[in-house]
Amino acid sequence: MSLHNRQRLGWLGLLPLLAVMGIVLLAASPAAQARTLRIGISQFPSTLHPLIDSMLAKSYVLGLARRPLTSYDENWELACLVCTEVPTLENGLAVRETTASGEEGIAVTYEIVEGAAWGDGTPVTSEDVVFTWQVGRNPQSGVASLEGFRRILDVEVLSARRFVLHVDRVTFDYNAANGLELLPAHIERPLFEANPAEYRNRTAYDSDSTNPGLYFGPYRISEVVKGSHVVLVLNETWWGEKPAFERIIVRTIENTAALEANLLSGEIDMIAGELGLTIDQGLAFAERHGDTFQVFFKPGLIYEHLDLMLENPILADRKVRKALILSADRQAISEQLFQGRQPVALTNVSPLDWVFSDQVARYPYDPKAAAALLDEAGWDRMQGGVRHNAKGEPLRLELMTTAGDRTRELVEQVLQAGWRQVGIDLRIRNEPARVFFGETVSKRKFTGLALFAWLSAPESVPRTTLHSEEVPSEANNWSGQNYTGYNNPEVDRLLDAIERELDRERRADLWLKLQQIYAEDLPVLPLYWRAATYVLPKEMQGVVPTGHLSPTTYWVENWRWND
C-alpha cells in the first residue's frame, strides 16, 4: 500500500514473491524471544527519508524510530507526539493575523517536548524545524507534499524549543502539523545545500541509514538490507517510556502467502495489520489458527482504487471511464473475495468519515450499459473479441499493481475477465512494491491503470491527489500525488474552499459537491474500502490500530508481552 496512503497530514500534509532473503532465526516461543520482536510486512520502503515518497512501509518502519509533530490518535483526536500542547484558537497558541499581502493568515505556536534529542545526542530544536521547512518548500527537493510547506510564510524561532509557524491561510485543521516530520539539520543541511536538485538522491537517510543522528524515536535503525529487512535497536536518547523490546526486526516478505508461512514456522512473531494479510487470508487464518494467535480486523480509511493515466487518449474519454466501472463487478469482488467485509466504494470518501455522502452517481454492474457507452465513444468495431475504433486501433489497456499480493492479483483477474466480456483487452504487468511506488507511480510511468490504496487521515482533503497543481513532473522533481494528471478548475476551487471553511455544516455542503463531481467525472475508479488484518501473538498487548493514516508503530512504547 502506498501512503500510498494519502499524505495529506493535516493542512501541512498537502502533502503507500517467495520469502525474501532475510534474517534466519530458529523458531522459538514468544517468551524465549521476549527481548526481540520480529514483524512481517509485505513491502519494503523505496526510501527512508520521511518527506520523500509516500509509502506506508516507510511510515510503518519510521514510526518506530521517529515521530511527526502531531498525529490523530486511535480516537481520531489530534494529539501531540513531539510537542507539549496542541495549539488552538481557544488556548491562545493559535492567533489569526494579517499577512503581508493583506490576506487572513494564522500564527501557530508549538513547543518541542523537553528532552527530545537525536540518537547521537544532539537536541531536537527549532533550528531543525526551520531547516525542514526550507527543504519542504524548495521546489527542487522532491518532497511529496510541497504545497503544505509553501503555505508556511515564515518560521519564527522563539527559543530552542519554541517556534511559531506563520501560515498564509486559516484552515479547519490549522493546528494539525502531522506532516511536519523533522529533519536533523546538523546532518542533512550540508547534503541539501550542496545541491537541492540532487538532495533526494544523496540524503543520509538512504546513504547512511544507520546513522543514529537521523532518529529520535524509541528505536533507531541499526541495519538495513534493501528488499529484505530493517533492524532497530533501543535509542538511548529517547525521552519517553522505555519500550519492552530491545530489538525489533521488520522483515519484508512480498508474497502474502509466504508471509503467513513465515509466521507459522516461527521466523516472525507477528504480521503488521498495516501491510500484511488481506482480509480473505485473515479470515481463513483465523478459522485455522485462531486458538494460537490473536486475529482481529480494523475497518479504516483505506481506499483501494484504480488510478487512471488521463493523458492516455483512451482513458481521457469519460464515456470509457464509465464503461470500465460499469463492467467491473465490484459487488462480486466484495462478496466473493471478502465475504462482504470490504464494501464497494462510491467515491474517495469513506462511510466512516463524517463528511461522507451517498447522494452521488452509482455504477452497478451493467455490461450492457458499458457496451453502449463504448459504442458511443467510437469503439464499435469488434475484431477477434476486442473492440477497435475507426482507425483500426484496439481498445487495449495495461493494468499494474504490486507483485506478490495475491488478493490484488485476484482482483486483476476479475477485472480482466469482466472487461474482456465487453471487448476491452487488458494486459497485466506487475512490479515489486518498492519499484511500483518508488518509480512507476510516483513518476507517472504507468500508461493505463494502477491498482493500489490510499490511506488517509480523518476528513482528509484530497488536494495532493486531485488538485491540478499537484501533478508530479520532472520540473517539480516529482512532487505531488496527482498521478492521474486530473485537471478540473471546479474541483480546484472546492478543494481550496473546503480547507478554508471552519463551519462544519457549510463544509459538509462543499464536501457533498466534491463527492458528486468525483463520482460523475471518475478521474479514479473506486473499488472498495479495506479492513486491516492484525495477526499477533497471544501474549502481545498494547497494539491499538487507528483505522487511519497513523500506523500503530507511533505508540510502540506501549507494546508489551502479557506475562
Protein backbone atom coordinates (compact mmCIF):
# COMPACT_ATOMS: atom_id res chain seq x y z
CA MET A 1 0.00 0.00 0.00
CA SER A 2 1.05 3.45 -0.59
CA LEU A 3 0.81 6.18 1.94
CA HIS A 4 0.40 5.05 -0.74
CA ASN A 5 -1.52 6.45 1.60
CA ARG A 6 -2.62 9.81 1.00
CA GLN A 7 -0.10 12.13 2.61
CA ARG A 8 -2.50 14.89 3.43
CA LEU A 9 -1.30 15.07 7.02
CA GLY A 10 -3.37 17.96 8.24
CA TRP A 11 -3.01 21.20 6.30
CA LEU A 12 0.73 20.56 6.25
CA GLY A 13 0.37 17.23 4.51
CA LEU A 14 -0.85 18.85 1.32
CA LEU A 15 1.27 16.84 1.42
CA PRO A 16 1.55 3.53 0.09
CA LEU A 17 7.46 -13.39 -4.41
CA LEU A 18 8.66 -16.15 -2.36
CA ALA A 19 10.05 -15.37 1.05
CA VAL A 20 12.66 -12.66 0.61
CA MET A 21 16.13 -13.36 1.89
CA GLY A 22 16.20 -12.14 5.46
CA ILE A 23 17.48 -12.86 8.91
CA VAL A 24 17.29 -16.58 9.61
CA LEU A 25 16.20 -17.22 13.17
CA LEU A 26 15.38 -20.52 14.79
CA ALA A 27 11.74 -20.86 15.61
CA ALA A 28 11.11 -20.05 19.25
CA SER A 29 8.26 -19.21 21.54
CA PRO A 30 7.49 -15.53 22.17
CA ALA A 31 8.69 -15.95 25.74
CA ALA A 32 12.09 -17.15 24.51
CA GLN A 33 12.32 -14.20 22.14
CA ALA A 34 10.99 -11.68 24.68
CA ARG A 35 13.77 -9.18 24.02
CA THR A 36 13.42 -9.31 20.23
CA LEU A 37 10.23 -8.72 18.25
CA ARG A 38 10.12 -9.91 14.65
CA ILE A 39 7.48 -8.26 12.48
CA GLY A 40 6.50 -9.29 8.97
CA ILE A 41 5.31 -6.77 6.37
CA SER A 42 4.60 -7.19 2.67
CA GLN A 43 6.51 -4.21 1.23
CA PHE A 44 9.95 -2.63 1.56
CA PRO A 45 10.34 1.16 1.68
CA SER A 46 11.51 2.87 -1.50
CA THR A 47 13.36 5.39 0.70
CA LEU A 48 13.76 6.06 4.42
CA HIS A 49 13.57 9.83 4.03
CA PRO A 50 10.44 10.94 5.92
CA LEU A 51 9.37 13.58 3.36
CA ILE A 52 10.25 11.91 0.05
CA ASP A 53 7.80 9.42 -1.49
CA SER A 54 4.58 8.42 0.20
CA MET A 55 4.63 4.77 1.15
CA LEU A 56 3.10 3.05 4.14
CA ALA A 57 6.01 0.63 4.52
CA LYS A 58 8.27 3.61 5.17
CA SER A 59 5.84 5.21 7.62
CA TYR A 60 5.48 1.93 9.49
CA VAL A 61 9.23 1.48 9.92
CA LEU A 62 9.94 5.13 10.68
CA GLY A 63 7.14 5.16 13.25
CA LEU A 64 9.46 3.04 15.40
CA ALA A 65 12.33 5.50 15.06
CA ARG A 66 10.83 8.98 14.82
CA ARG A 67 7.52 10.85 15.07
CA PRO A 68 5.66 13.72 13.40
CA LEU A 69 4.95 16.81 15.48
CA THR A 70 1.25 15.90 15.84
CA SER A 71 -0.96 13.00 14.80
CA TYR A 72 -4.51 11.75 15.05
CA ASP A 73 -4.78 9.01 17.67
CA GLU A 74 -6.93 5.87 17.83
CA ASN A 75 -9.94 8.03 18.79
CA TRP A 76 -9.35 10.24 15.74
CA GLU A 77 -8.42 13.14 18.02
CA LEU A 78 -5.43 15.36 17.34
CA ALA A 79 -2.58 14.72 19.77
CA CYS A 80 0.96 15.97 20.31
CA LEU A 81 3.71 13.44 19.69
CA VAL A 82 6.72 15.75 19.72
CA CYS A 83 5.08 18.92 21.04
CA THR A 84 3.87 19.70 24.55
CA GLU A 85 0.36 21.02 23.81
CA VAL A 86 -1.95 21.14 20.79
CA PRO A 87 -2.33 24.82 19.88
CA THR A 88 -5.86 26.17 19.43
CA LEU A 89 -7.55 29.49 18.93
CA GLU A 90 -9.18 28.92 22.31
CA ASN A 91 -5.95 28.42 24.30
CA GLY A 92 -4.22 31.33 22.58
CA LEU A 93 -1.45 29.29 20.97
CA ALA A 94 -3.08 29.95 17.58
CA VAL A 95 -3.83 33.55 16.62
CA ARG A 96 -5.33 34.96 13.45
CA GLU A 97 -3.11 37.53 11.73
CA THR A 98 -2.91 39.57 8.55
CA THR A 99 -0.25 38.52 6.08
CA ALA A 100 1.99 40.92 4.17
CA SER A 101 -0.35 40.54 1.17
CA GLY A 102 -3.34 41.60 3.25
CA GLU A 103 -4.89 38.14 3.47
CA GLU A 104 -6.01 36.44 6.67
CA GLY A 105 -3.40 34.04 7.96
CA ILE A 106 -2.67 32.36 11.27
CA ALA A 107 0.26 32.13 13.67
CA VAL A 108 0.51 28.77 15.41
CA THR A 109 2.91 28.28 18.32
CA TYR A 110 4.40 24.90 19.21
CA GLU A 111 6.87 23.80 21.85
CA ILE A 112 9.08 20.75 21.36
CA VAL A 113 8.88 18.33 24.27
CA GLU A 114 11.68 18.72 26.77
CA GLY A 115 14.49 16.19 26.42
CA ALA A 116 13.86 15.42 22.75
CA ALA A 117 17.21 14.51 21.18
CA TRP A 118 18.51 12.85 18.05
CA GLY A 119 20.12 9.47 18.53
CA ASP A 120 23.62 10.99 18.51
CA GLY A 121 22.71 13.20 21.47
CA THR A 122 22.11 16.41 19.52
CA PRO A 123 18.99 18.14 20.87
CA VAL A 124 15.93 18.41 18.61
CA THR A 125 15.46 22.17 18.29
CA SER A 126 13.60 24.90 16.46
CA GLU A 127 16.53 25.04 14.05
CA ASP A 128 15.54 21.59 12.82
CA VAL A 129 12.06 22.98 12.18
CA VAL A 130 13.48 25.88 10.16
CA PHE A 131 15.65 23.53 8.11
CA THR A 132 12.79 21.09 7.48
CA TRP A 133 10.67 23.99 6.25
CA GLN A 134 13.46 25.15 3.93
CA VAL A 135 13.74 21.67 2.43
CA GLY A 136 9.99 21.19 2.19
CA ARG A 137 9.28 24.43 0.36
CA ASN A 138 12.15 24.14 -2.13
CA PRO A 139 10.67 23.05 -5.49
CA GLN A 140 13.83 21.10 -6.29
CA SER A 141 13.83 18.96 -3.16
CA GLY A 142 11.31 16.42 -4.44
CA VAL A 143 9.25 16.16 -1.26
CA ALA A 144 5.83 14.54 -1.61
CA SER A 145 3.88 17.42 -0.06
CA LEU A 146 5.37 20.64 -1.38
CA GLU A 147 2.17 22.68 -1.09
CA GLY A 148 1.92 22.32 2.69
CA PHE A 149 5.37 23.77 3.20
CA ARG A 150 4.76 26.58 0.73
CA ARG A 151 1.89 27.75 2.87
CA ILE A 152 4.23 28.43 5.77
CA LEU A 153 5.33 32.01 5.14
CA ASP A 154 7.87 32.02 7.96
CA VAL A 155 9.12 30.04 10.93
CA GLU A 156 9.72 32.35 13.86
CA VAL A 157 12.14 30.96 16.43
CA LEU A 158 11.20 31.97 19.98
CA SER A 159 13.69 29.70 21.74
CA ALA A 160 15.49 26.41 21.25
CA ARG A 161 12.21 24.55 21.78
CA ARG A 162 9.50 27.12 20.93
CA PHE A 163 8.63 28.31 17.45
CA VAL A 164 5.77 29.90 15.52
CA LEU A 165 4.52 28.81 12.12
CA HIS A 166 3.13 31.77 10.21
CA VAL A 167 0.71 30.27 7.70
CA ASP A 168 -0.87 32.06 4.74
CA ARG A 169 -4.45 30.94 5.43
CA VAL A 170 -6.80 29.75 8.16
CA THR A 171 -7.96 26.17 7.58
CA PHE A 172 -10.24 23.96 9.64
CA ASP A 173 -7.22 21.83 10.59
CA TYR A 174 -4.90 24.77 11.22
CA ASN A 175 -3.19 23.06 14.17
CA ALA A 176 -2.61 19.62 12.61
CA ALA A 177 1.12 19.67 11.81
CA ASN A 178 1.09 15.93 11.12
CA GLY A 179 3.26 16.39 8.05
CA LEU A 180 6.00 18.22 9.95
CA GLU A 181 8.45 15.32 10.00
CA LEU A 182 11.57 16.98 11.38
CA LEU A 183 14.92 16.53 9.68
CA PRO A 184 18.25 16.72 11.57
CA ALA A 185 19.79 19.97 10.34
CA HIS A 186 23.22 19.02 11.65
CA ILE A 187 23.34 16.03 9.29
CA GLU A 188 21.11 16.83 6.34
CA ARG A 189 21.80 20.55 5.80
CA PRO A 190 25.22 20.13 4.10
CA LEU A 191 23.76 17.49 1.78
CA PHE A 192 20.82 19.68 0.88
CA GLU A 193 22.69 22.94 0.40
CA ALA A 194 25.33 21.31 -1.80
CA ASN A 195 22.74 20.60 -4.49
CA PRO A 196 18.99 20.81 -3.71
CA ALA A 197 18.06 19.17 -7.02
CA GLU A 198 20.12 16.09 -6.13
CA TYR A 199 19.17 16.03 -2.46
CA ARG A 200 16.62 13.24 -2.78
CA ASN A 201 19.37 11.01 -4.21
CA ARG A 202 22.01 11.98 -1.63
CA THR A 203 20.11 12.12 1.65
CA ALA A 204 21.77 10.37 4.58
CA TYR A 205 18.51 8.52 5.18
CA ASP A 206 19.46 6.34 2.21
CA SER A 207 23.25 6.71 2.01
CA ASP A 208 23.92 6.44 5.79
CA SER A 209 20.71 4.86 7.06
CA THR A 210 22.18 3.57 10.33
CA ASN A 211 23.45 6.98 11.47
CA PRO A 212 21.91 7.38 14.96
CA GLY A 213 21.57 11.14 14.41
CA LEU A 214 18.75 10.59 11.90
CA TYR A 215 16.33 9.26 14.52
CA PHE A 216 14.78 10.46 17.76
CA GLY A 217 12.11 7.85 18.49
CA PRO A 218 12.11 4.89 20.90
CA TYR A 219 14.31 2.99 18.44
CA ARG A 220 17.00 3.78 15.90
CA ILE A 221 17.82 1.85 12.75
CA SER A 222 20.97 -0.27 13.09
CA GLU A 223 20.85 -2.36 9.90
CA VAL A 224 19.19 -2.12 6.51
CA VAL A 225 19.26 -4.78 3.80
CA LYS A 226 17.23 -3.46 0.87
CA GLY A 227 14.31 -5.61 -0.08
CA SER A 228 14.86 -7.86 2.94
CA HIS A 229 14.79 -6.36 6.43
CA VAL A 230 15.39 -3.44 8.76
CA VAL A 231 16.78 -3.95 12.27
CA LEU A 232 16.06 -1.41 15.00
CA VAL A 233 17.61 -1.20 18.45
CA LEU A 234 16.78 0.87 21.50
CA ASN A 235 17.55 4.56 21.16
CA GLU A 236 19.46 5.65 24.26
CA THR A 237 18.34 9.28 23.83
CA TRP A 238 14.59 8.52 23.77
CA TRP A 239 12.82 10.74 26.29
CA GLY A 240 9.61 8.74 26.71
CA GLU A 241 8.61 5.45 28.26
CA LYS A 242 11.13 2.70 27.58
CA PRO A 243 9.84 0.07 25.15
CA ALA A 244 9.62 -3.57 26.15
CA PHE A 245 11.78 -4.91 23.33
CA GLU A 246 15.49 -4.35 22.98
CA ARG A 247 15.43 -5.07 19.27
CA ILE A 248 12.81 -5.09 16.53
CA ILE A 249 13.34 -6.75 13.17
CA VAL A 250 10.97 -5.73 10.38
CA ARG A 251 11.15 -8.31 7.60
CA THR A 252 9.75 -7.78 4.14
CA ILE A 253 8.06 -10.82 2.59
CA GLU A 254 6.30 -9.57 -0.51
CA ASN A 255 4.33 -12.72 -1.19
CA THR A 256 1.45 -12.69 1.30
CA ALA A 257 1.12 -16.49 1.32
CA ALA A 258 4.80 -16.73 2.23
CA LEU A 259 4.22 -14.12 4.92
CA GLU A 260 1.70 -16.43 6.56
CA ALA A 261 4.06 -19.40 6.21
CA ASN A 262 6.86 -17.49 7.94
CA LEU A 263 4.56 -16.73 10.85
CA LEU A 264 3.55 -20.36 11.25
CA SER A 265 7.17 -21.54 11.06
CA GLY A 266 8.15 -19.13 13.84
CA GLU A 267 10.52 -16.96 11.81
CA ILE A 268 8.38 -13.92 12.56
CA ASP A 269 6.26 -13.21 15.64
CA MET A 270 3.51 -11.07 14.14
CA ILE A 271 2.16 -9.70 10.89
CA ALA A 272 1.53 -5.97 10.73
CA GLY A 273 -2.09 -5.08 10.04
CA GLU A 274 -0.98 -2.09 8.02
CA LEU A 275 0.92 -4.20 5.48
CA GLY A 276 0.16 -7.85 5.97
CA LEU A 277 -2.51 -10.41 5.22
CA THR A 278 -5.50 -9.38 3.20
CA ILE A 279 -8.91 -9.81 4.77
CA ASP A 280 -9.68 -13.02 2.88
CA GLN A 281 -6.41 -14.51 4.07
CA GLY A 282 -7.07 -13.20 7.56
CA LEU A 283 -10.50 -14.78 7.75
CA ALA A 284 -9.12 -18.14 6.62
CA PHE A 285 -6.17 -17.83 9.00
CA ALA A 286 -8.43 -17.04 11.97
CA GLU A 287 -10.53 -20.11 11.24
CA ARG A 288 -7.46 -22.34 11.21
CA HIS A 289 -5.25 -20.73 13.86
CA GLY A 290 -7.48 -18.52 15.97
CA ASP A 291 -6.62 -20.55 19.06
CA THR A 292 -2.90 -19.86 18.63
CA PHE A 293 -2.84 -16.21 17.52
CA GLN A 294 -4.84 -13.05 18.07
CA VAL A 295 -6.56 -12.19 14.80
CA PHE A 296 -8.69 -9.08 14.55
CA PHE A 297 -9.92 -6.77 11.80
CA LYS A 298 -9.99 -2.99 11.74
CA PRO A 299 -12.10 -1.17 9.14
CA GLY A 300 -10.43 2.06 8.18
CA LEU A 301 -9.73 4.82 5.71
CA ILE A 302 -8.00 2.52 3.23
CA TYR A 303 -9.24 3.25 -0.27
CA GLU A 304 -8.47 0.55 -2.85
CA HIS A 305 -8.83 2.07 -6.28
CA LEU A 306 -7.53 2.34 -9.82
CA ASP A 307 -5.56 5.43 -10.76
CA LEU A 308 -6.03 6.21 -14.45
CA MET A 309 -3.44 7.81 -16.71
CA LEU A 310 -5.70 10.52 -18.07
CA GLU A 311 -3.12 11.55 -20.67
CA ASN A 312 -3.85 8.23 -22.37
CA PRO A 313 -6.36 9.19 -25.12
CA ILE A 314 -8.48 6.14 -24.35
CA LEU A 315 -8.87 7.00 -20.66
CA ALA A 316 -9.25 10.71 -21.34
CA ASP A 317 -12.78 9.89 -22.58
CA ARG A 318 -15.21 9.91 -19.67
CA LYS A 319 -17.51 7.51 -21.52
CA VAL A 320 -14.73 4.93 -21.49
CA ARG A 321 -14.11 5.51 -17.80
CA LYS A 322 -17.79 4.95 -17.06
CA ALA A 323 -17.81 1.85 -19.23
CA LEU A 324 -14.88 0.49 -17.25
CA ILE A 325 -16.60 0.88 -13.90
CA LEU A 326 -19.94 -0.43 -15.19
CA SER A 327 -18.28 -3.60 -16.48
CA ALA A 328 -16.30 -4.20 -13.28
CA ASP A 329 -18.32 -6.42 -10.94
CA ARG A 330 -17.22 -4.70 -7.74
CA GLN A 331 -20.03 -6.17 -5.65
CA ALA A 332 -18.93 -9.67 -6.61
CA ILE A 333 -15.37 -8.78 -5.64
CA SER A 334 -16.61 -7.62 -2.23
CA GLU A 335 -18.83 -10.63 -1.59
CA GLN A 336 -16.83 -13.46 -3.13
CA LEU A 337 -13.32 -12.39 -2.15
CA PHE A 338 -14.02 -10.61 1.15
CA GLN A 339 -17.32 -12.07 2.45
CA GLY A 340 -18.84 -8.59 2.16
CA ARG A 341 -16.50 -7.14 4.80
CA GLN A 342 -14.90 -4.69 2.38
CA PRO A 343 -17.74 -2.58 0.96
CA VAL A 344 -17.81 -1.17 -2.55
CA ALA A 345 -16.53 2.42 -2.62
CA LEU A 346 -18.76 5.10 -4.08
CA THR A 347 -16.06 7.78 -4.08
CA ASN A 348 -12.79 8.50 -2.30
CA VAL A 349 -14.63 9.45 0.92
CA SER A 350 -15.15 6.63 3.41
CA PRO A 351 -18.55 5.88 5.01
CA LEU A 352 -16.63 6.00 8.31
CA ASP A 353 -15.88 9.69 7.81
CA TRP A 354 -18.42 12.24 8.99
CA VAL A 355 -18.34 14.09 5.64
CA PHE A 356 -19.39 11.01 3.64
CA SER A 357 -22.49 11.25 1.45
CA ASP A 358 -24.22 8.56 -0.60
CA GLN A 359 -26.03 11.17 -2.71
CA VAL A 360 -23.74 10.55 -5.67
CA ALA A 361 -23.84 8.72 -9.01
CA ARG A 362 -23.75 4.95 -8.61
CA TYR A 363 -22.41 2.34 -11.00
CA PRO A 364 -23.90 -1.13 -10.52
CA TYR A 365 -22.55 -3.95 -12.62
CA ASP A 366 -24.13 -3.43 -16.06
CA PRO A 367 -22.09 -4.74 -19.01
CA LYS A 368 -24.86 -3.85 -21.49
CA ALA A 369 -24.74 -0.20 -20.47
CA ALA A 370 -20.94 -0.35 -20.63
CA ALA A 371 -21.06 -1.75 -24.17
CA ALA A 372 -23.43 1.02 -25.26
CA LEU A 373 -21.08 3.68 -23.89
CA LEU A 374 -18.13 2.15 -25.70
CA ASP A 375 -20.12 2.21 -28.95
CA GLU A 376 -20.86 5.90 -28.37
CA ALA A 377 -17.18 6.55 -27.71
CA GLY A 378 -16.27 5.15 -31.12
CA TRP A 379 -15.04 1.71 -30.04
CA ASP A 380 -17.75 0.00 -32.07
CA ARG A 381 -15.87 -2.46 -34.25
CA MET A 382 -15.26 -5.93 -32.84
CA GLN A 383 -12.32 -7.94 -34.19
CA GLY A 384 -11.19 -11.12 -32.51
CA GLY A 385 -13.20 -10.31 -29.41
CA VAL A 386 -11.54 -6.90 -28.99
CA ARG A 387 -13.11 -3.55 -29.79
CA HIS A 388 -11.41 -1.28 -32.33
CA ASN A 389 -12.05 2.29 -33.41
CA ALA A 390 -12.45 3.67 -36.92
CA LYS A 391 -8.66 3.89 -37.26
CA GLY A 392 -8.35 0.18 -36.56
CA GLU A 393 -6.73 0.77 -33.16
CA PRO A 394 -7.55 -1.84 -30.47
CA LEU A 395 -9.12 -0.93 -27.14
CA ARG A 396 -6.12 -2.15 -25.16
CA LEU A 397 -5.03 -1.05 -21.70
CA GLU A 398 -2.33 -2.05 -19.25
CA LEU A 399 -3.01 -2.66 -15.55
CA MET A 400 -0.24 -2.65 -12.95
CA THR A 401 -0.07 -3.34 -9.22
CA THR A 402 2.28 -4.70 -6.54
CA ALA A 403 3.69 -8.10 -7.46
CA GLY A 404 3.13 -10.93 -4.99
CA ASP A 405 -0.07 -9.54 -3.50
CA ARG A 406 -2.39 -12.48 -4.02
CA THR A 407 -5.60 -10.53 -3.44
CA ARG A 408 -4.72 -7.77 -5.86
CA GLU A 409 -3.77 -10.36 -8.43
CA LEU A 410 -7.20 -11.98 -7.98
CA VAL A 411 -8.87 -8.58 -8.36
CA GLU A 412 -6.88 -8.03 -11.55
CA GLN A 413 -8.19 -11.31 -12.92
CA VAL A 414 -11.80 -10.40 -12.11
CA LEU A 415 -11.38 -7.03 -13.80
CA GLN A 416 -9.67 -8.59 -16.80
CA ALA A 417 -12.48 -11.12 -17.25
CA GLY A 418 -15.22 -8.52 -16.89
CA TRP A 419 -13.63 -6.12 -19.33
CA ARG A 420 -12.94 -8.89 -21.82
CA GLN A 421 -16.70 -9.53 -21.97
CA VAL A 422 -17.28 -6.01 -23.29
CA GLY A 423 -14.33 -6.12 -25.70
CA ILE A 424 -11.57 -4.45 -23.70
CA ASP A 425 -8.16 -6.09 -23.98
CA LEU A 426 -6.44 -5.75 -20.59
CA ARG A 427 -2.78 -6.61 -20.23
CA ILE A 428 -1.40 -7.15 -16.70
CA ARG A 429 2.16 -6.22 -15.73
CA ASN A 430 3.10 -6.09 -12.03
CA GLU A 431 6.20 -4.89 -10.22
CA PRO A 432 7.75 -5.16 -6.74
CA ALA A 433 6.22 -2.56 -4.44
CA ARG A 434 9.41 -0.53 -4.00
CA VAL A 435 9.67 -0.14 -7.79
CA PHE A 436 5.95 0.31 -8.40
CA PHE A 437 5.64 3.09 -5.81
CA GLY A 438 9.18 4.48 -5.92
CA GLU A 439 9.33 4.86 -9.70
CA THR A 440 6.32 3.81 -11.75
CA VAL A 441 3.54 5.55 -9.84
CA SER A 442 5.42 8.47 -8.28
CA LYS A 443 6.98 9.37 -11.63
CA ARG A 444 3.82 8.64 -13.64
CA LYS A 445 5.39 5.90 -15.76
CA PHE A 446 2.27 3.75 -15.95
CA THR A 447 0.35 4.01 -19.22
CA GLY A 448 -3.09 2.75 -18.23
CA LEU A 449 -4.33 1.79 -14.79
CA ALA A 450 -2.51 1.48 -11.46
CA LEU A 451 -4.13 -0.55 -8.67
CA PHE A 452 -3.19 0.46 -5.12
CA ALA A 453 -4.61 2.03 -1.98
CA TRP A 454 -4.63 5.45 -0.41
CA LEU A 455 -4.58 5.53 3.38
CA SER A 456 -5.71 8.86 4.76
CA ALA A 457 -6.38 10.78 7.94
CA PRO A 458 -9.89 11.71 9.16
CA GLU A 459 -11.56 14.31 6.93
CA SER A 460 -8.59 14.26 4.59
CA VAL A 461 -8.89 16.93 1.90
CA PRO A 462 -7.56 15.23 -1.26
CA ARG A 463 -5.74 18.26 -2.59
CA THR A 464 -2.49 16.46 -3.24
CA THR A 465 -4.23 13.75 -5.30
CA LEU A 466 -6.80 15.87 -7.18
CA HIS A 467 -5.58 19.47 -7.46
CA SER A 468 -4.17 20.45 -10.85
CA GLU A 469 -1.10 21.97 -9.19
CA GLU A 470 -0.18 18.62 -7.62
CA VAL A 471 0.74 16.69 -10.78
CA PRO A 472 4.27 15.25 -10.38
CA SER A 473 6.72 16.11 -13.15
CA GLU A 474 10.41 16.32 -13.79
CA ALA A 475 10.09 20.11 -13.49
CA ASN A 476 8.89 19.87 -9.86
CA ASN A 477 11.19 16.90 -9.13
CA TRP A 478 8.16 14.59 -8.91
CA SER A 479 6.47 16.38 -6.04
CA GLY A 480 2.71 15.90 -5.60
CA GLN A 481 0.43 12.87 -5.82
CA ASN A 482 -1.98 13.72 -8.62
CA TYR A 483 -0.65 10.78 -10.59
CA THR A 484 -3.62 10.72 -12.96
CA GLY A 485 -2.99 14.26 -14.22
CA TYR A 486 -6.55 15.29 -13.34
CA ASN A 487 -7.39 18.93 -14.06
CA ASN A 488 -10.78 20.35 -13.12
CA PRO A 489 -11.00 24.05 -12.15
CA GLU A 490 -14.20 23.49 -10.15
CA VAL A 491 -12.54 20.74 -8.14
CA ASP A 492 -9.55 23.02 -7.52
CA ARG A 493 -11.94 25.67 -6.21
CA LEU A 494 -13.78 23.23 -3.97
CA LEU A 495 -10.57 21.86 -2.51
CA ASP A 496 -9.46 25.35 -1.55
CA ALA A 497 -12.91 26.24 -0.20
CA ILE A 498 -13.22 23.11 1.96
CA GLU A 499 -9.90 23.79 3.64
CA ARG A 500 -10.81 27.38 4.48
CA GLU A 501 -14.31 26.66 5.79
CA LEU A 502 -14.36 26.32 9.58
CA ASP A 503 -18.15 25.92 9.87
CA ARG A 504 -18.93 22.18 9.80
CA GLU A 505 -22.35 22.46 8.13
CA ARG A 506 -21.12 24.68 5.32
CA ARG A 507 -18.06 22.46 4.94
CA ALA A 508 -20.30 19.39 4.65
CA ASP A 509 -22.13 21.04 1.72
CA LEU A 510 -18.82 21.64 -0.04
CA TRP A 511 -17.77 18.04 0.57
CA LEU A 512 -21.04 16.85 -0.99
CA LYS A 513 -20.35 18.83 -4.17
CA LEU A 514 -16.83 17.44 -4.37
CA GLN A 515 -18.03 13.85 -4.00
CA GLN A 516 -20.70 14.37 -6.66
CA ILE A 517 -18.18 15.70 -9.18
CA TYR A 518 -15.76 12.89 -8.36
CA ALA A 519 -18.43 10.24 -8.93
CA GLU A 520 -19.53 11.85 -12.19
CA ASP A 521 -16.05 12.61 -13.57
CA LEU A 522 -14.34 9.39 -12.43
CA PRO A 523 -10.71 10.55 -12.56
CA VAL A 524 -10.11 7.42 -10.46
CA LEU A 525 -12.13 4.20 -10.43
CA PRO A 526 -13.28 3.42 -6.85
CA LEU A 527 -13.10 -0.26 -5.89
CA TYR A 528 -13.66 -0.89 -2.17
CA TRP A 529 -12.84 0.16 1.39
CA ARG A 530 -10.36 -2.14 3.01
CA ALA A 531 -10.18 -3.52 6.53
CA ALA A 532 -6.76 -4.27 8.01
CA THR A 533 -5.97 -7.73 9.38
CA TYR A 534 -3.83 -7.85 12.52
CA VAL A 535 -2.20 -11.16 13.46
CA LEU A 536 -0.42 -11.02 16.82
CA PRO A 537 0.91 -13.50 19.37
CA LYS A 538 -1.50 -14.35 22.15
CA GLU A 539 0.98 -12.78 24.59
CA MET A 540 1.08 -9.40 22.82
CA GLN A 541 -0.82 -6.42 24.19
CA GLY A 542 -0.88 -2.69 23.55
CA VAL A 543 -1.14 -2.76 19.75
CA VAL A 544 -4.06 -0.42 19.04
CA PRO A 545 -4.99 0.18 15.37
CA THR A 546 -6.10 3.70 14.50
CA GLY A 547 -8.12 2.95 11.37
CA HIS A 548 -6.42 5.82 9.57
CA LEU A 549 -3.10 7.11 8.28
CA SER A 550 -1.10 6.93 11.52
CA PRO A 551 0.49 3.49 11.97
CA THR A 552 0.41 1.56 15.25
CA THR A 553 4.18 1.97 15.48
CA TYR A 554 3.72 5.59 16.62
CA TRP A 555 2.88 4.07 20.00
CA VAL A 556 5.32 1.13 20.06
CA GLU A 557 6.40 2.03 23.60
CA ASN A 558 3.01 0.73 24.74
CA TRP A 559 3.55 -2.74 23.25
CA ARG A 560 4.19 -5.48 25.80
CA TRP A 561 4.21 -9.23 26.24
CA ASN A 562 1.41 -10.17 28.62
CA ASP A 563 3.41 -12.15 31.16
